[in-house]
Amino acid sequence: MDEPDGKKLEEMIKELSNALIAVKHEQEYMQVRDRVHRGINEYTNNRVVLWAVFEVILLFAMTAGQIFYLKRFFEVRRII
C-alpha cells in the first residue's frame, strides 16, 4: 500500500470511530430518556391504581348510604 491509500484508510477509520462514538452517545441519551419515561409511566400507573381504589371505596360507601337512606325512607311508621 502506498502513502495516499494509507492516509485514506486512516481517515476512514477515524470517521468510523467518530461515528461509533456518536452512536454510543446517542444510545446513552436514549437509555437516560427511557429511564425517565419509565419512571413517569410507573408513577402515573400508581396514581391511576390509587384513584381506582378510591373510586371503588367511594362507590361502596355511596351504595351503603343509599341503601340505609331508602330503608329509612320506606319504613312503616306506626303512630300510636
Protein backbone atom coordinates (compact mmCIF):
# COMPACT_ATOMS: atom_id res chain seq x y z
CA MET A 1 0.00 0.00 0.00
CA ASP A 2 1.37 3.37 -0.85
CA GLU A 3 1.02 6.51 1.24
CA PRO A 4 -2.24 8.03 -0.22
CA ASP A 5 -4.12 4.76 0.30
CA GLY A 6 -2.81 4.51 3.87
CA LYS A 7 -3.92 8.07 4.65
CA LYS A 8 -7.32 7.42 3.09
CA LEU A 9 -7.72 4.25 5.14
CA GLU A 10 -6.63 6.08 8.29
CA GLU A 11 -9.18 8.85 7.63
CA MET A 12 -11.92 6.28 7.06
CA ILE A 13 -11.04 4.59 10.34
CA LYS A 14 -11.17 7.96 12.16
CA GLU A 15 -14.58 8.74 10.60
CA LEU A 16 -15.84 5.32 11.59
CA SER A 17 -14.51 5.81 15.12
CA ASN A 18 -16.21 9.22 15.37
CA ALA A 19 -19.46 7.77 14.05
CA LEU A 20 -19.24 4.94 16.58
CA ILE A 21 -18.67 7.42 19.41
CA ALA A 22 -21.68 9.45 18.23
CA VAL A 23 -23.82 6.31 18.17
CA LYS A 24 -22.64 5.42 21.68
CA HIS A 25 -23.56 8.88 22.98
CA GLU A 26 -26.95 8.67 21.29
CA GLN A 27 -27.55 5.27 22.84
CA GLU A 28 -26.62 6.57 26.31
CA TYR A 29 -29.01 9.50 25.79
CA MET A 30 -31.79 7.12 24.76
CA GLN A 31 -31.17 4.98 27.85
CA VAL A 32 -31.49 8.05 30.08
CA ARG A 33 -34.71 9.06 28.30
CA ASP A 34 -36.02 5.52 28.68
CA ARG A 35 -35.35 5.55 32.43
CA VAL A 36 -37.05 8.94 32.81
CA HIS A 37 -40.09 7.89 30.80
CA ARG A 38 -40.31 4.55 32.62
CA GLY A 39 -40.31 6.42 35.94
CA ILE A 40 -43.04 8.77 34.74
CA ASN A 41 -45.12 5.84 33.47
CA GLU A 42 -44.78 3.92 36.73
CA TYR A 43 -45.70 7.00 38.77
CA THR A 44 -48.74 7.65 36.58
CA ASN A 45 -49.77 3.99 36.77
CA ASN A 46 -49.55 4.07 40.57
CA ARG A 47 -51.71 7.19 40.69
CA VAL A 48 -54.30 5.61 38.39
CA VAL A 49 -54.44 2.47 40.55
CA LEU A 50 -54.81 4.50 43.75
CA TRP A 51 -57.56 6.60 42.17
CA ALA A 52 -59.39 3.45 41.04
CA VAL A 53 -59.19 2.01 44.58
CA PHE A 54 -60.52 5.30 45.97
CA GLU A 55 -63.39 5.21 43.46
CA VAL A 56 -64.31 1.64 44.44
CA ILE A 57 -64.32 2.54 48.14
CA LEU A 58 -66.41 5.64 47.42
CA LEU A 59 -68.82 3.59 45.30
CA PHE A 60 -69.37 1.07 48.11
CA ALA A 61 -69.82 3.87 50.65
CA MET A 62 -72.38 5.61 48.44
CA THR A 63 -74.22 2.33 47.85
CA ALA A 64 -74.38 1.60 51.58
CA GLY A 65 -75.56 5.15 52.26
CA GLN A 66 -78.31 4.94 49.66
CA ILE A 67 -79.50 1.57 50.94
CA PHE A 68 -79.61 2.90 54.51
CA TYR A 69 -81.45 6.05 53.38
CA LEU A 70 -84.01 4.16 51.29
CA LYS A 71 -84.66 1.65 54.09
CA ARG A 72 -85.39 4.50 56.48
CA PHE A 73 -87.50 6.30 53.86
CA PHE A 74 -89.76 3.32 53.25
CA GLU A 75 -90.08 2.21 56.87
CA VAL A 76 -93.64 1.88 58.03
CA ARG A 77 -94.07 4.32 60.85
CA ARG A 78 -96.65 3.45 63.41
CA ILE A 79 -98.30 6.31 65.14
CA ILE A 80 -99.75 5.26 68.44
